[in-house]
Amino acid sequence: MKSLDQTALMAQLEEGARALSLQLSTEQLQKLIDYLALMIKWNAVYNLTAVRDPSQMVVQHLLDSLAACTAFEGAEYVLDVGAGGGLPGIVLAIWAKEAQPALRLTMIDTVHKKTAFLTQVKAELGLSNVQVQTGRVEQWKAPQLFDVITSRAFAELNDFVTWSHHLLKDGGRFIALKGVAPNEEVARLPAGWQVKEVRALHVPSLHAERHLVFIERETS
């Protein structure tokens, strides 16, 4: 693996986190950089991401996911659907380990090589708050229901809700990480579901739109 300039990446990450008003410890920053290094190493074989430049990975992967973390405050059980290379799940887990120790995060993906990578990341970074599941979310019978179900670049909102709503607690919500505000997708949501909020995110050094979409069951 090409050696990383960890000092420069750490400084970039710390500055970005500060711009997001996140207080990350040295241990959290190091775990995030270690995660990036693992992604770069495995990417050569597993094609986890099209982004190859480490500095851009800090922006487009780490800071992009960190920008959403505070939306998960108060959640106890979180499911990341179509977890892929671990975004936002691994980043959320590293943040929550200190910021929200009660949070437990499950990541599910259909692709075994991706869940093998996530399992390796969990082991190497000591993420005891993470569980990894291989399979189709629409067929999965979880041991517990989830307060929040999230996804990033997974599917259209209609499919996301349809495939995974059986795993959502009463009173729970979906949080979808999207680029531009997905107005057409919102219009196609299945009956019984409503968007409570579309929140614009500002990711440091990222010149592209990012939004969080909060979806809940309609109340009569």
N, C-alpha and C. Protein backbone atom coordinates (compact mmCIF):
# COMPACT_ATOMS: atom_id res chain seq x y z
N MET A 1 0.85 -1.21 0.00
CA MET A 1 0.00 0.00 0.00
C MET A 1 0.88 1.25 0.00
N LYS A 2 0.54 2.20 -0.81
CA LYS A 2 1.25 3.47 -0.81
C LYS A 2 1.13 4.11 0.57
N SER A 3 2.26 4.57 1.11
CA SER A 3 2.24 5.14 2.45
C SER A 3 1.46 6.45 2.45
N LEU A 4 0.71 6.65 3.53
CA LEU A 4 -0.10 7.85 3.65
C LEU A 4 0.65 8.90 4.47
N ASP A 5 0.43 10.15 4.11
CA ASP A 5 0.92 11.24 4.96
C ASP A 5 -0.13 11.44 6.05
N GLN A 6 -0.03 10.61 7.07
CA GLN A 6 -1.07 10.61 8.11
C GLN A 6 -1.16 11.94 8.84
N THR A 7 -0.01 12.59 9.02
CA THR A 7 -0.01 13.87 9.74
C THR A 7 -0.84 14.91 9.00
N ALA A 8 -0.65 15.00 7.68
CA ALA A 8 -1.40 15.97 6.89
C ALA A 8 -2.88 15.62 6.84
N LEU A 9 -3.19 14.33 6.69
CA LEU A 9 -4.59 13.92 6.64
C LEU A 9 -5.28 14.15 7.98
N MET A 10 -4.55 13.89 9.07
CA MET A 10 -5.10 14.11 10.41
C MET A 10 -5.41 15.60 10.61
N ALA A 11 -4.50 16.46 10.18
CA ALA A 11 -4.72 17.91 10.31
C ALA A 11 -5.92 18.35 9.48
N GLN A 12 -6.04 17.82 8.27
CA GLN A 12 -7.18 18.14 7.40
C GLN A 12 -8.49 17.68 8.05
N LEU A 13 -8.48 16.48 8.59
CA LEU A 13 -9.67 15.93 9.23
C LEU A 13 -10.05 16.73 10.48
N GLU A 14 -9.06 17.07 11.28
CA GLU A 14 -9.32 17.82 12.51
C GLU A 14 -9.90 19.20 12.19
N GLU A 15 -9.34 19.85 11.18
CA GLU A 15 -9.85 21.16 10.78
C GLU A 15 -11.29 21.05 10.27
N GLY A 16 -11.56 20.02 9.48
CA GLY A 16 -12.92 19.83 8.97
C GLY A 16 -13.91 19.53 10.08
N ALA A 17 -13.50 18.69 11.02
CA ALA A 17 -14.38 18.36 12.15
C ALA A 17 -14.69 19.61 12.97
N ARG A 18 -13.67 20.45 13.15
CA ARG A 18 -13.88 21.69 13.91
C ARG A 18 -14.87 22.59 13.18
N ALA A 19 -14.79 22.64 11.85
CA ALA A 19 -15.74 23.43 11.06
C ALA A 19 -17.16 22.90 11.20
N LEU A 20 -17.29 21.60 11.50
CA LEU A 20 -18.60 20.98 11.71
C LEU A 20 -19.05 21.08 13.17
N SER A 21 -18.23 21.77 14.00
CA SER A 21 -18.50 21.90 15.44
C SER A 21 -18.51 20.55 16.15
N LEU A 22 -17.67 19.63 15.68
CA LEU A 22 -17.51 18.33 16.32
C LEU A 22 -16.19 18.31 17.08
N GLN A 23 -16.26 17.93 18.36
CA GLN A 23 -15.05 17.80 19.17
C GLN A 23 -14.62 16.34 19.13
N LEU A 24 -13.66 16.02 18.30
CA LEU A 24 -13.17 14.64 18.19
C LEU A 24 -11.86 14.50 18.95
N SER A 25 -11.75 13.40 19.69
CA SER A 25 -10.52 13.14 20.43
C SER A 25 -9.43 12.68 19.48
N THR A 26 -8.19 12.68 19.97
CA THR A 26 -7.07 12.18 19.17
C THR A 26 -7.31 10.73 18.77
N GLU A 27 -7.88 9.95 19.68
CA GLU A 27 -8.15 8.54 19.37
C GLU A 27 -9.19 8.41 18.26
N GLN A 28 -10.24 9.22 18.31
CA GLN A 28 -11.25 9.18 17.25
C GLN A 28 -10.65 9.58 15.90
N LEU A 29 -9.85 10.64 15.89
CA LEU A 29 -9.21 11.08 14.65
C LEU A 29 -8.32 9.98 14.10
N GLN A 30 -7.55 9.32 14.97
CA GLN A 30 -6.65 8.27 14.52
C GLN A 30 -7.43 7.08 13.97
N LYS A 31 -8.53 6.72 14.61
CA LYS A 31 -9.35 5.61 14.12
C LYS A 31 -9.92 5.93 12.74
N LEU A 32 -10.33 7.16 12.53
CA LEU A 32 -10.86 7.55 11.22
C LEU A 32 -9.78 7.47 10.14
N ILE A 33 -8.56 7.89 10.47
CA ILE A 33 -7.47 7.79 9.51
C ILE A 33 -7.08 6.33 9.28
N ASP A 34 -7.11 5.53 10.34
CA ASP A 34 -6.83 4.09 10.19
C ASP A 34 -7.88 3.42 9.30
N TYR A 35 -9.13 3.83 9.47
CA TYR A 35 -10.20 3.32 8.61
C TYR A 35 -9.94 3.70 7.15
N LEU A 36 -9.53 4.94 6.93
CA LEU A 36 -9.21 5.39 5.57
C LEU A 36 -8.08 4.54 4.97
N ALA A 37 -7.07 4.26 5.78
CA ALA A 37 -5.94 3.46 5.31
C ALA A 37 -6.39 2.05 4.94
N LEU A 38 -7.28 1.47 5.74
CA LEU A 38 -7.81 0.14 5.42
C LEU A 38 -8.63 0.17 4.13
N MET A 39 -9.41 1.23 3.95
CA MET A 39 -10.20 1.35 2.72
C MET A 39 -9.30 1.43 1.50
N ILE A 40 -8.22 2.21 1.61
CA ILE A 40 -7.29 2.33 0.48
C ILE A 40 -6.64 0.98 0.19
N LYS A 41 -6.25 0.27 1.25
CA LYS A 41 -5.60 -1.03 1.08
C LYS A 41 -6.52 -2.04 0.40
N TRP A 42 -7.74 -2.14 0.88
CA TRP A 42 -8.69 -3.12 0.35
C TRP A 42 -9.26 -2.69 -0.99
N ASN A 43 -9.23 -1.38 -1.26
CA ASN A 43 -9.83 -0.86 -2.49
C ASN A 43 -9.13 -1.41 -3.74
N ALA A 44 -7.85 -1.73 -3.60
CA ALA A 44 -7.09 -2.24 -4.74
C ALA A 44 -7.68 -3.54 -5.29
N VAL A 45 -8.30 -4.30 -4.41
CA VAL A 45 -8.88 -5.59 -4.81
C VAL A 45 -10.40 -5.55 -4.84
N TYR A 46 -11.00 -4.85 -3.88
CA TYR A 46 -12.45 -4.94 -3.68
C TYR A 46 -13.24 -3.80 -4.29
N ASN A 47 -12.57 -2.76 -4.80
CA ASN A 47 -13.25 -1.65 -5.47
C ASN A 47 -14.36 -1.07 -4.59
N LEU A 48 -13.99 -0.63 -3.40
CA LEU A 48 -14.94 -0.10 -2.43
C LEU A 48 -15.38 1.32 -2.77
N THR A 49 -14.52 2.08 -3.43
CA THR A 49 -14.83 3.47 -3.74
C THR A 49 -14.11 3.89 -5.01
N ALA A 50 -14.74 4.80 -5.76
CA ALA A 50 -14.12 5.33 -6.97
C ALA A 50 -13.17 6.48 -6.64
N VAL A 51 -13.26 6.99 -5.42
CA VAL A 51 -12.38 8.09 -4.99
C VAL A 51 -11.04 7.49 -4.58
N ARG A 52 -9.97 7.94 -5.20
CA ARG A 52 -8.65 7.34 -4.95
C ARG A 52 -7.71 8.26 -4.16
N ASP A 53 -7.89 9.55 -4.28
CA ASP A 53 -6.98 10.49 -3.62
C ASP A 53 -7.31 10.58 -2.13
N PRO A 54 -6.34 10.31 -1.25
CA PRO A 54 -6.62 10.28 0.20
C PRO A 54 -7.21 11.58 0.73
N SER A 55 -6.71 12.73 0.25
CA SER A 55 -7.25 14.00 0.71
C SER A 55 -8.71 14.17 0.32
N GLN A 56 -9.05 13.73 -0.90
CA GLN A 56 -10.45 13.79 -1.33
C GLN A 56 -11.31 12.77 -0.56
N MET A 57 -10.73 11.66 -0.18
CA MET A 57 -11.46 10.68 0.63
C MET A 57 -11.81 11.25 2.01
N VAL A 58 -10.91 12.06 2.55
CA VAL A 58 -11.21 12.73 3.83
C VAL A 58 -12.47 13.58 3.68
N VAL A 59 -12.53 14.33 2.57
CA VAL A 59 -13.68 15.23 2.35
C VAL A 59 -14.94 14.44 1.99
N GLN A 60 -14.83 13.61 0.95
CA GLN A 60 -16.03 12.99 0.37
C GLN A 60 -16.55 11.80 1.18
N HIS A 61 -15.71 11.22 2.02
CA HIS A 61 -16.14 10.08 2.82
C HIS A 61 -16.22 10.42 4.31
N LEU A 62 -15.11 10.85 4.91
CA LEU A 62 -15.10 11.07 6.36
C LEU A 62 -15.91 12.30 6.76
N LEU A 63 -15.58 13.46 6.20
CA LEU A 63 -16.30 14.68 6.58
C LEU A 63 -17.76 14.63 6.13
N ASP A 64 -17.99 14.05 4.96
CA ASP A 64 -19.35 13.91 4.44
C ASP A 64 -20.23 13.12 5.43
N SER A 65 -19.66 12.05 5.99
CA SER A 65 -20.41 11.25 6.96
C SER A 65 -20.46 11.92 8.33
N LEU A 66 -19.37 12.55 8.75
CA LEU A 66 -19.36 13.25 10.04
C LEU A 66 -20.39 14.37 10.08
N ALA A 67 -20.65 15.00 8.94
CA ALA A 67 -21.62 16.10 8.89
C ALA A 67 -23.01 15.65 9.30
N ALA A 68 -23.29 14.34 9.18
CA ALA A 68 -24.62 13.82 9.50
C ALA A 68 -24.72 13.28 10.92
N CYS A 69 -23.60 13.16 11.63
CA CYS A 69 -23.60 12.42 12.90
C CYS A 69 -24.59 12.95 13.94
N THR A 70 -24.65 14.27 14.10
CA THR A 70 -25.50 14.81 15.17
C THR A 70 -26.98 14.53 14.93
N ALA A 71 -27.36 14.17 13.70
CA ALA A 71 -28.76 13.81 13.42
C ALA A 71 -29.15 12.52 14.14
N PHE A 72 -28.15 11.75 14.59
CA PHE A 72 -28.41 10.46 15.24
C PHE A 72 -28.38 10.56 16.76
N GLU A 73 -28.30 11.75 17.29
CA GLU A 73 -28.29 11.92 18.74
C GLU A 73 -29.58 11.35 19.34
N GLY A 74 -29.41 10.58 20.41
CA GLY A 74 -30.57 10.00 21.09
C GLY A 74 -30.95 8.62 20.59
N ALA A 75 -30.40 8.19 19.45
CA ALA A 75 -30.74 6.87 18.92
C ALA A 75 -29.99 5.79 19.69
N GLU A 76 -30.63 4.64 19.86
CA GLU A 76 -29.99 3.52 20.55
C GLU A 76 -29.59 2.42 19.57
N TYR A 77 -30.52 2.05 18.67
CA TYR A 77 -30.24 1.03 17.67
C TYR A 77 -30.37 1.65 16.28
N VAL A 78 -29.27 1.61 15.51
CA VAL A 78 -29.24 2.21 14.18
C VAL A 78 -28.86 1.13 13.17
N LEU A 79 -29.56 1.11 12.04
CA LEU A 79 -29.27 0.19 10.94
C LEU A 79 -28.82 0.99 9.72
N ASP A 80 -27.64 0.63 9.17
CA ASP A 80 -27.14 1.23 7.95
C ASP A 80 -27.37 0.22 6.82
N VAL A 81 -28.27 0.56 5.90
CA VAL A 81 -28.68 -0.35 4.83
C VAL A 81 -27.83 -0.10 3.58
N GLY A 82 -27.37 -1.18 2.95
CA GLY A 82 -26.49 -1.04 1.80
C GLY A 82 -25.20 -0.38 2.22
N ALA A 83 -24.61 -0.91 3.30
CA ALA A 83 -23.51 -0.24 3.99
C ALA A 83 -22.25 -0.09 3.14
N GLY A 84 -22.09 -0.95 2.13
CA GLY A 84 -20.95 -0.81 1.22
C GLY A 84 -19.63 -0.84 1.96
N GLY A 85 -18.82 0.21 1.76
CA GLY A 85 -17.53 0.31 2.41
C GLY A 85 -17.58 0.87 3.82
N GLY A 86 -18.81 1.11 4.33
CA GLY A 86 -18.94 1.55 5.72
C GLY A 86 -19.30 3.01 5.93
N LEU A 87 -19.93 3.60 4.92
CA LEU A 87 -20.32 5.00 5.01
C LEU A 87 -21.84 5.14 4.97
N PRO A 88 -22.46 5.75 5.96
CA PRO A 88 -21.82 6.46 7.08
C PRO A 88 -21.51 5.59 8.29
N GLY A 89 -21.82 4.27 8.23
CA GLY A 89 -21.84 3.43 9.42
C GLY A 89 -20.57 3.42 10.26
N ILE A 90 -19.42 3.16 9.64
CA ILE A 90 -18.17 3.09 10.41
C ILE A 90 -17.84 4.45 11.02
N VAL A 91 -18.01 5.51 10.25
CA VAL A 91 -17.75 6.86 10.76
C VAL A 91 -18.68 7.17 11.93
N LEU A 92 -19.95 6.82 11.78
CA LEU A 92 -20.93 7.04 12.84
C LEU A 92 -20.54 6.26 14.10
N ALA A 93 -20.08 5.03 13.93
CA ALA A 93 -19.70 4.19 15.06
C ALA A 93 -18.49 4.77 15.80
N ILE A 94 -17.51 5.28 15.07
CA ILE A 94 -16.33 5.89 15.70
C ILE A 94 -16.73 7.14 16.47
N TRP A 95 -17.59 7.95 15.89
CA TRP A 95 -18.09 9.15 16.58
C TRP A 95 -18.86 8.76 17.83
N ALA A 96 -19.75 7.77 17.72
CA ALA A 96 -20.66 7.42 18.82
C ALA A 96 -19.94 6.76 19.98
N LYS A 97 -18.82 6.10 19.72
CA LYS A 97 -18.09 5.38 20.78
C LYS A 97 -17.81 6.29 21.97
N GLU A 98 -17.53 7.57 21.69
CA GLU A 98 -17.30 8.54 22.76
C GLU A 98 -18.47 9.50 22.95
N ALA A 99 -19.07 9.93 21.85
CA ALA A 99 -20.13 10.95 21.92
C ALA A 99 -21.45 10.37 22.40
N GLN A 100 -21.69 9.10 22.10
CA GLN A 100 -22.99 8.48 22.40
C GLN A 100 -22.78 6.98 22.65
N PRO A 101 -22.20 6.63 23.80
CA PRO A 101 -21.78 5.24 24.05
C PRO A 101 -22.90 4.21 24.01
N ALA A 102 -24.15 4.63 24.20
CA ALA A 102 -25.26 3.67 24.20
C ALA A 102 -25.66 3.24 22.79
N LEU A 103 -25.19 3.96 21.76
CA LEU A 103 -25.62 3.65 20.39
C LEU A 103 -25.00 2.33 19.91
N ARG A 104 -25.85 1.50 19.33
CA ARG A 104 -25.41 0.23 18.72
C ARG A 104 -25.76 0.28 17.24
N LEU A 105 -24.78 -0.03 16.40
CA LEU A 105 -24.95 0.14 14.97
C LEU A 105 -24.81 -1.19 14.25
N THR A 106 -25.79 -1.50 13.39
CA THR A 106 -25.73 -2.68 12.54
C THR A 106 -25.62 -2.24 11.09
N MET A 107 -24.73 -2.89 10.35
CA MET A 107 -24.56 -2.59 8.93
C MET A 107 -24.90 -3.84 8.12
N ILE A 108 -25.72 -3.68 7.09
CA ILE A 108 -26.11 -4.81 6.25
C ILE A 108 -25.81 -4.50 4.79
N ASP A 109 -25.29 -5.51 4.08
CA ASP A 109 -25.04 -5.38 2.65
C ASP A 109 -25.17 -6.76 2.03
N THR A 110 -25.56 -6.80 0.76
CA THR A 110 -25.73 -8.09 0.09
C THR A 110 -24.40 -8.65 -0.42
N VAL A 111 -23.38 -7.80 -0.54
CA VAL A 111 -22.12 -8.20 -1.16
C VAL A 111 -21.15 -8.70 -0.09
N HIS A 112 -20.80 -9.98 -0.18
CA HIS A 112 -19.99 -10.58 0.88
C HIS A 112 -18.62 -9.93 1.01
N LYS A 113 -18.00 -9.53 -0.09
CA LYS A 113 -16.66 -8.94 0.02
C LYS A 113 -16.71 -7.60 0.77
N LYS A 114 -17.83 -6.90 0.68
CA LYS A 114 -17.97 -5.64 1.42
C LYS A 114 -18.18 -5.90 2.91
N THR A 115 -19.00 -6.90 3.24
CA THR A 115 -19.19 -7.20 4.66
C THR A 115 -17.94 -7.83 5.26
N ALA A 116 -17.15 -8.54 4.44
CA ALA A 116 -15.85 -9.05 4.92
C ALA A 116 -14.93 -7.88 5.28
N PHE A 117 -14.93 -6.84 4.45
CA PHE A 117 -14.15 -5.64 4.76
C PHE A 117 -14.65 -4.99 6.04
N LEU A 118 -15.95 -4.83 6.18
CA LEU A 118 -16.51 -4.20 7.38
C LEU A 118 -16.17 -4.99 8.64
N THR A 119 -16.21 -6.32 8.54
CA THR A 119 -15.86 -7.17 9.67
C THR A 119 -14.39 -6.98 10.06
N GLN A 120 -13.53 -6.83 9.05
CA GLN A 120 -12.11 -6.58 9.31
C GLN A 120 -11.90 -5.22 9.98
N VAL A 121 -12.61 -4.20 9.49
CA VAL A 121 -12.52 -2.86 10.09
C VAL A 121 -12.97 -2.92 11.55
N LYS A 122 -14.09 -3.58 11.81
CA LYS A 122 -14.59 -3.71 13.18
C LYS A 122 -13.52 -4.31 14.09
N ALA A 123 -12.87 -5.38 13.61
CA ALA A 123 -11.86 -6.07 14.41
C ALA A 123 -10.62 -5.19 14.63
N GLU A 124 -10.11 -4.60 13.56
CA GLU A 124 -8.86 -3.84 13.66
C GLU A 124 -9.02 -2.55 14.46
N LEU A 125 -10.20 -1.94 14.40
CA LEU A 125 -10.42 -0.67 15.11
C LEU A 125 -11.08 -0.88 16.47
N GLY A 126 -11.40 -2.13 16.81
CA GLY A 126 -11.99 -2.42 18.12
C GLY A 126 -13.36 -1.79 18.30
N LEU A 127 -14.20 -1.87 17.27
CA LEU A 127 -15.53 -1.23 17.33
C LEU A 127 -16.55 -2.21 17.90
N SER A 128 -16.62 -2.27 19.21
CA SER A 128 -17.53 -3.20 19.89
C SER A 128 -18.99 -2.80 19.74
N ASN A 129 -19.24 -1.58 19.25
CA ASN A 129 -20.63 -1.11 19.07
C ASN A 129 -21.17 -1.42 17.67
N VAL A 130 -20.47 -2.26 16.90
CA VAL A 130 -20.83 -2.55 15.51
C VAL A 130 -21.17 -4.03 15.34
N GLN A 131 -22.22 -4.29 14.55
CA GLN A 131 -22.53 -5.63 14.07
C GLN A 131 -22.61 -5.57 12.53
N VAL A 132 -22.18 -6.64 11.89
CA VAL A 132 -22.18 -6.69 10.42
C VAL A 132 -23.03 -7.88 9.97
N GLN A 133 -23.90 -7.63 8.99
CA GLN A 133 -24.84 -8.64 8.50
C GLN A 133 -24.74 -8.72 6.97
N THR A 134 -24.67 -9.93 6.44
CA THR A 134 -24.67 -10.12 4.99
C THR A 134 -26.05 -10.61 4.56
N GLY A 135 -26.66 -9.95 3.58
CA GLY A 135 -27.96 -10.41 3.10
C GLY A 135 -28.80 -9.26 2.56
N ARG A 136 -30.00 -9.61 2.13
CA ARG A 136 -30.94 -8.62 1.60
C ARG A 136 -31.79 -8.09 2.74
N VAL A 137 -31.85 -6.79 2.86
CA VAL A 137 -32.54 -6.19 4.01
C VAL A 137 -34.02 -6.57 4.02
N GLU A 138 -34.63 -6.71 2.83
CA GLU A 138 -36.07 -7.01 2.79
C GLU A 138 -36.38 -8.42 3.30
N GLN A 139 -35.37 -9.29 3.36
CA GLN A 139 -35.58 -10.66 3.83
C GLN A 139 -35.06 -10.88 5.25
N TRP A 140 -34.44 -9.87 5.82
CA TRP A 140 -33.76 -10.06 7.11
C TRP A 140 -34.73 -9.93 8.28
N LYS A 141 -34.65 -10.87 9.19
CA LYS A 141 -35.40 -10.81 10.44
C LYS A 141 -34.41 -10.48 11.55
N ALA A 142 -34.40 -9.24 11.96
CA ALA A 142 -33.42 -8.77 12.95
C ALA A 142 -33.82 -9.20 14.35
N PRO A 143 -32.85 -9.33 15.26
CA PRO A 143 -33.16 -9.68 16.65
C PRO A 143 -33.85 -8.56 17.41
N GLN A 144 -33.76 -7.33 16.91
CA GLN A 144 -34.47 -6.21 17.51
C GLN A 144 -34.81 -5.22 16.41
N LEU A 145 -35.79 -4.35 16.69
CA LEU A 145 -36.12 -3.28 15.75
C LEU A 145 -35.22 -2.08 16.00
N PHE A 146 -35.23 -1.16 15.04
CA PHE A 146 -34.28 -0.05 15.08
C PHE A 146 -34.98 1.29 15.26
N ASP A 147 -34.33 2.19 16.03
CA ASP A 147 -34.83 3.56 16.20
C ASP A 147 -34.66 4.35 14.92
N VAL A 148 -33.52 4.13 14.25
CA VAL A 148 -33.20 4.86 13.04
C VAL A 148 -32.66 3.88 12.00
N ILE A 149 -33.14 4.00 10.78
CA ILE A 149 -32.58 3.26 9.65
C ILE A 149 -32.04 4.29 8.66
N THR A 150 -30.77 4.11 8.28
CA THR A 150 -30.12 5.11 7.44
C THR A 150 -29.54 4.46 6.19
N SER A 151 -29.20 5.28 5.21
CA SER A 151 -28.52 4.80 4.01
C SER A 151 -27.83 5.98 3.34
N ARG A 152 -26.79 5.65 2.58
CA ARG A 152 -26.08 6.67 1.80
C ARG A 152 -25.83 6.07 0.42
N ALA A 153 -26.35 6.73 -0.59
CA ALA A 153 -26.16 6.25 -1.98
C ALA A 153 -26.61 4.81 -2.13
N PHE A 154 -27.75 4.47 -1.53
CA PHE A 154 -28.23 3.09 -1.56
C PHE A 154 -29.30 2.86 -2.62
N ALA A 155 -30.40 3.57 -2.52
CA ALA A 155 -31.54 3.33 -3.41
C ALA A 155 -32.44 4.55 -3.39
N GLU A 156 -33.40 4.54 -4.30
CA GLU A 156 -34.43 5.59 -4.26
C GLU A 156 -35.21 5.47 -2.94
N LEU A 157 -35.71 6.60 -2.46
CA LEU A 157 -36.39 6.62 -1.16
C LEU A 157 -37.54 5.61 -1.10
N ASN A 158 -38.30 5.49 -2.17
CA ASN A 158 -39.42 4.55 -2.22
C ASN A 158 -38.96 3.13 -1.90
N ASP A 159 -37.88 2.70 -2.58
CA ASP A 159 -37.36 1.35 -2.35
C ASP A 159 -36.76 1.22 -0.96
N PHE A 160 -36.02 2.21 -0.53
CA PHE A 160 -35.40 2.21 0.79
C PHE A 160 -36.44 1.97 1.88
N VAL A 161 -37.53 2.70 1.83
CA VAL A 161 -38.60 2.56 2.83
C VAL A 161 -39.33 1.23 2.67
N THR A 162 -39.67 0.88 1.44
CA THR A 162 -40.43 -0.35 1.19
C THR A 162 -39.66 -1.59 1.65
N TRP A 163 -38.38 -1.62 1.37
CA TRP A 163 -37.57 -2.82 1.67
C TRP A 163 -37.25 -2.97 3.15
N SER A 164 -37.21 -1.87 3.90
CA SER A 164 -36.69 -1.98 5.27
C SER A 164 -37.63 -1.53 6.38
N HIS A 165 -38.85 -1.10 6.04
CA HIS A 165 -39.73 -0.55 7.08
C HIS A 165 -40.14 -1.58 8.12
N HIS A 166 -40.08 -2.88 7.79
CA HIS A 166 -40.44 -3.90 8.77
C HIS A 166 -39.44 -3.97 9.92
N LEU A 167 -38.30 -3.30 9.76
CA LEU A 167 -37.27 -3.31 10.80
C LEU A 167 -37.28 -2.04 11.65
N LEU A 168 -38.22 -1.14 11.38
CA LEU A 168 -38.27 0.15 12.08
C LEU A 168 -39.23 0.07 13.27
N LYS A 169 -38.76 0.54 14.41
CA LYS A 169 -39.62 0.61 15.60
C LYS A 169 -40.78 1.57 15.38
N ASP A 170 -41.87 1.36 16.09
CA ASP A 170 -42.92 2.38 16.14
C ASP A 170 -42.31 3.66 16.69
N GLY A 171 -42.56 4.76 16.02
CA GLY A 171 -41.98 6.02 16.45
C GLY A 171 -40.57 6.26 15.93
N GLY A 172 -40.03 5.28 15.20
CA GLY A 172 -38.70 5.43 14.63
C GLY A 172 -38.73 6.24 13.34
N ARG A 173 -37.55 6.45 12.76
CA ARG A 173 -37.50 7.25 11.54
C ARG A 173 -36.36 6.79 10.63
N PHE A 174 -36.53 7.10 9.37
CA PHE A 174 -35.48 6.91 8.38
C PHE A 174 -34.69 8.21 8.25
N ILE A 175 -33.37 8.08 8.09
CA ILE A 175 -32.53 9.23 7.74
C ILE A 175 -31.73 8.84 6.51
N ALA A 176 -32.07 9.42 5.37
CA ALA A 176 -31.37 9.11 4.12
C ALA A 176 -30.38 10.22 3.81
N LEU A 177 -29.14 9.85 3.50
CA LEU A 177 -28.12 10.80 3.09
C LEU A 177 -28.17 10.92 1.57
N LYS A 178 -28.47 12.12 1.10
CA LYS A 178 -28.64 12.36 -0.33
C LYS A 178 -27.77 13.52 -0.79
N GLY A 179 -27.62 13.64 -2.10
CA GLY A 179 -26.92 14.77 -2.69
C GLY A 179 -27.87 15.95 -2.80
N VAL A 180 -28.33 16.23 -4.02
CA VAL A 180 -29.32 17.30 -4.19
C VAL A 180 -30.64 16.88 -3.55
N ALA A 181 -31.43 17.85 -3.16
CA ALA A 181 -32.72 17.54 -2.52
C ALA A 181 -33.57 16.68 -3.46
N PRO A 182 -33.96 15.47 -3.05
CA PRO A 182 -34.61 14.53 -3.97
C PRO A 182 -36.12 14.72 -4.04
N ASN A 183 -36.55 15.85 -4.58
CA ASN A 183 -37.97 16.20 -4.56
C ASN A 183 -38.84 15.18 -5.30
N GLU A 184 -38.34 14.69 -6.44
CA GLU A 184 -39.13 13.71 -7.20
C GLU A 184 -39.25 12.39 -6.44
N GLU A 185 -38.18 11.98 -5.76
CA GLU A 185 -38.23 10.76 -4.96
C GLU A 185 -39.22 10.91 -3.80
N VAL A 186 -39.22 12.07 -3.19
CA VAL A 186 -40.14 12.33 -2.08
C VAL A 186 -41.58 12.16 -2.55
N ALA A 187 -41.87 12.63 -3.75
CA ALA A 187 -43.23 12.54 -4.29
C ALA A 187 -43.65 11.10 -4.54
N ARG A 188 -42.68 10.18 -4.66
CA ARG A 188 -43.00 8.78 -4.93
C ARG A 188 -42.95 7.90 -3.68
N LEU A 189 -42.88 8.49 -2.52
CA LEU A 189 -42.86 7.69 -1.29
C LEU A 189 -44.12 6.83 -1.20
N PRO A 190 -44.02 5.62 -0.63
CA PRO A 190 -45.20 4.77 -0.49
C PRO A 190 -46.22 5.38 0.47
N ALA A 191 -47.48 4.99 0.31
CA ALA A 191 -48.55 5.49 1.18
C ALA A 191 -48.22 5.16 2.63
N GLY A 192 -48.58 6.10 3.51
CA GLY A 192 -48.37 5.87 4.93
C GLY A 192 -47.07 6.45 5.47
N TRP A 193 -46.28 7.07 4.59
CA TRP A 193 -45.00 7.64 4.99
C TRP A 193 -44.91 9.09 4.57
N GLN A 194 -44.24 9.90 5.38
CA GLN A 194 -44.12 11.32 5.06
C GLN A 194 -42.73 11.84 5.42
N VAL A 195 -42.29 12.81 4.65
CA VAL A 195 -41.02 13.48 4.95
C VAL A 195 -41.28 14.54 6.02
N LYS A 196 -40.54 14.42 7.11
CA LYS A 196 -40.68 15.39 8.20
C LYS A 196 -39.76 16.59 8.01
N GLU A 197 -38.62 16.34 7.35
CA GLU A 197 -37.65 17.42 7.16
C GLU A 197 -36.67 17.04 6.07
N VAL A 198 -36.27 18.03 5.28
CA VAL A 198 -35.12 17.89 4.38
C VAL A 198 -34.11 18.93 4.85
N ARG A 199 -32.97 18.46 5.34
CA ARG A 199 -31.99 19.35 5.99
C ARG A 199 -30.73 19.45 5.12
N ALA A 200 -30.38 20.66 4.74
CA ALA A 200 -29.16 20.87 3.97
C ALA A 200 -27.94 20.71 4.88
N LEU A 201 -26.92 20.02 4.38
CA LEU A 201 -25.66 19.87 5.10
C LEU A 201 -24.58 20.68 4.39
N HIS A 202 -23.66 21.20 5.17
CA HIS A 202 -22.52 21.93 4.60
C HIS A 202 -21.26 21.18 4.99
N VAL A 203 -20.68 20.50 4.03
CA VAL A 203 -19.48 19.69 4.28
C VAL A 203 -18.26 20.52 3.92
N PRO A 204 -17.34 20.70 4.86
CA PRO A 204 -16.15 21.53 4.57
C PRO A 204 -15.39 21.04 3.34
N SER A 205 -15.06 21.96 2.47
CA SER A 205 -14.26 21.72 1.25
C SER A 205 -14.99 20.91 0.18
N LEU A 206 -16.26 20.61 0.40
CA LEU A 206 -17.02 19.86 -0.61
C LEU A 206 -17.92 20.83 -1.38
N HIS A 207 -17.67 20.93 -2.68
CA HIS A 207 -18.43 21.87 -3.50
C HIS A 207 -19.56 21.12 -4.20
N ALA A 208 -20.44 20.59 -3.42
CA ALA A 208 -21.60 19.84 -3.93
C ALA A 208 -22.68 19.86 -2.86
N GLU A 209 -23.92 19.71 -3.30
CA GLU A 209 -25.03 19.71 -2.35
C GLU A 209 -25.10 18.40 -1.59
N ARG A 210 -25.49 18.50 -0.32
CA ARG A 210 -25.75 17.34 0.51
C ARG A 210 -26.99 17.62 1.36
N HIS A 211 -27.86 16.63 1.47
CA HIS A 211 -29.09 16.78 2.26
C HIS A 211 -29.35 15.52 3.08
N LEU A 212 -29.95 15.72 4.24
CA LEU A 212 -30.52 14.62 5.00
C LEU A 212 -32.03 14.66 4.82
N VAL A 213 -32.62 13.49 4.58
CA VAL A 213 -34.08 13.39 4.43
C VAL A 213 -34.60 12.54 5.58
N PHE A 214 -35.46 13.14 6.40
CA PHE A 214 -36.05 12.46 7.57
C PHE A 214 -37.46 12.01 7.21
N ILE A 215 -37.71 10.71 7.33
CA ILE A 215 -39.00 10.12 6.94
C ILE A 215 -39.59 9.38 8.13
N GLU A 216 -40.86 9.60 8.38
CA GLU A 216 -41.56 8.92 9.47
C GLU A 216 -42.92 8.41 8.99
N ARG A 217 -43.50 7.50 9.77
CA ARG A 217 -44.85 7.05 9.47
C ARG A 217 -45.84 8.21 9.64
N GLU A 218 -46.83 8.24 8.76
CA GLU A 218 -47.88 9.24 8.90
C GLU A 218 -48.71 8.93 10.13
N THR A 219 -49.09 9.97 10.83
CA THR A 219 -49.96 9.79 12.00
C THR A 219 -51.35 10.28 11.65
N SER A 220 -52.34 9.55 12.11
CA SER A 220 -53.73 9.90 11.75
C SER A 220 -54.20 11.08 12.58
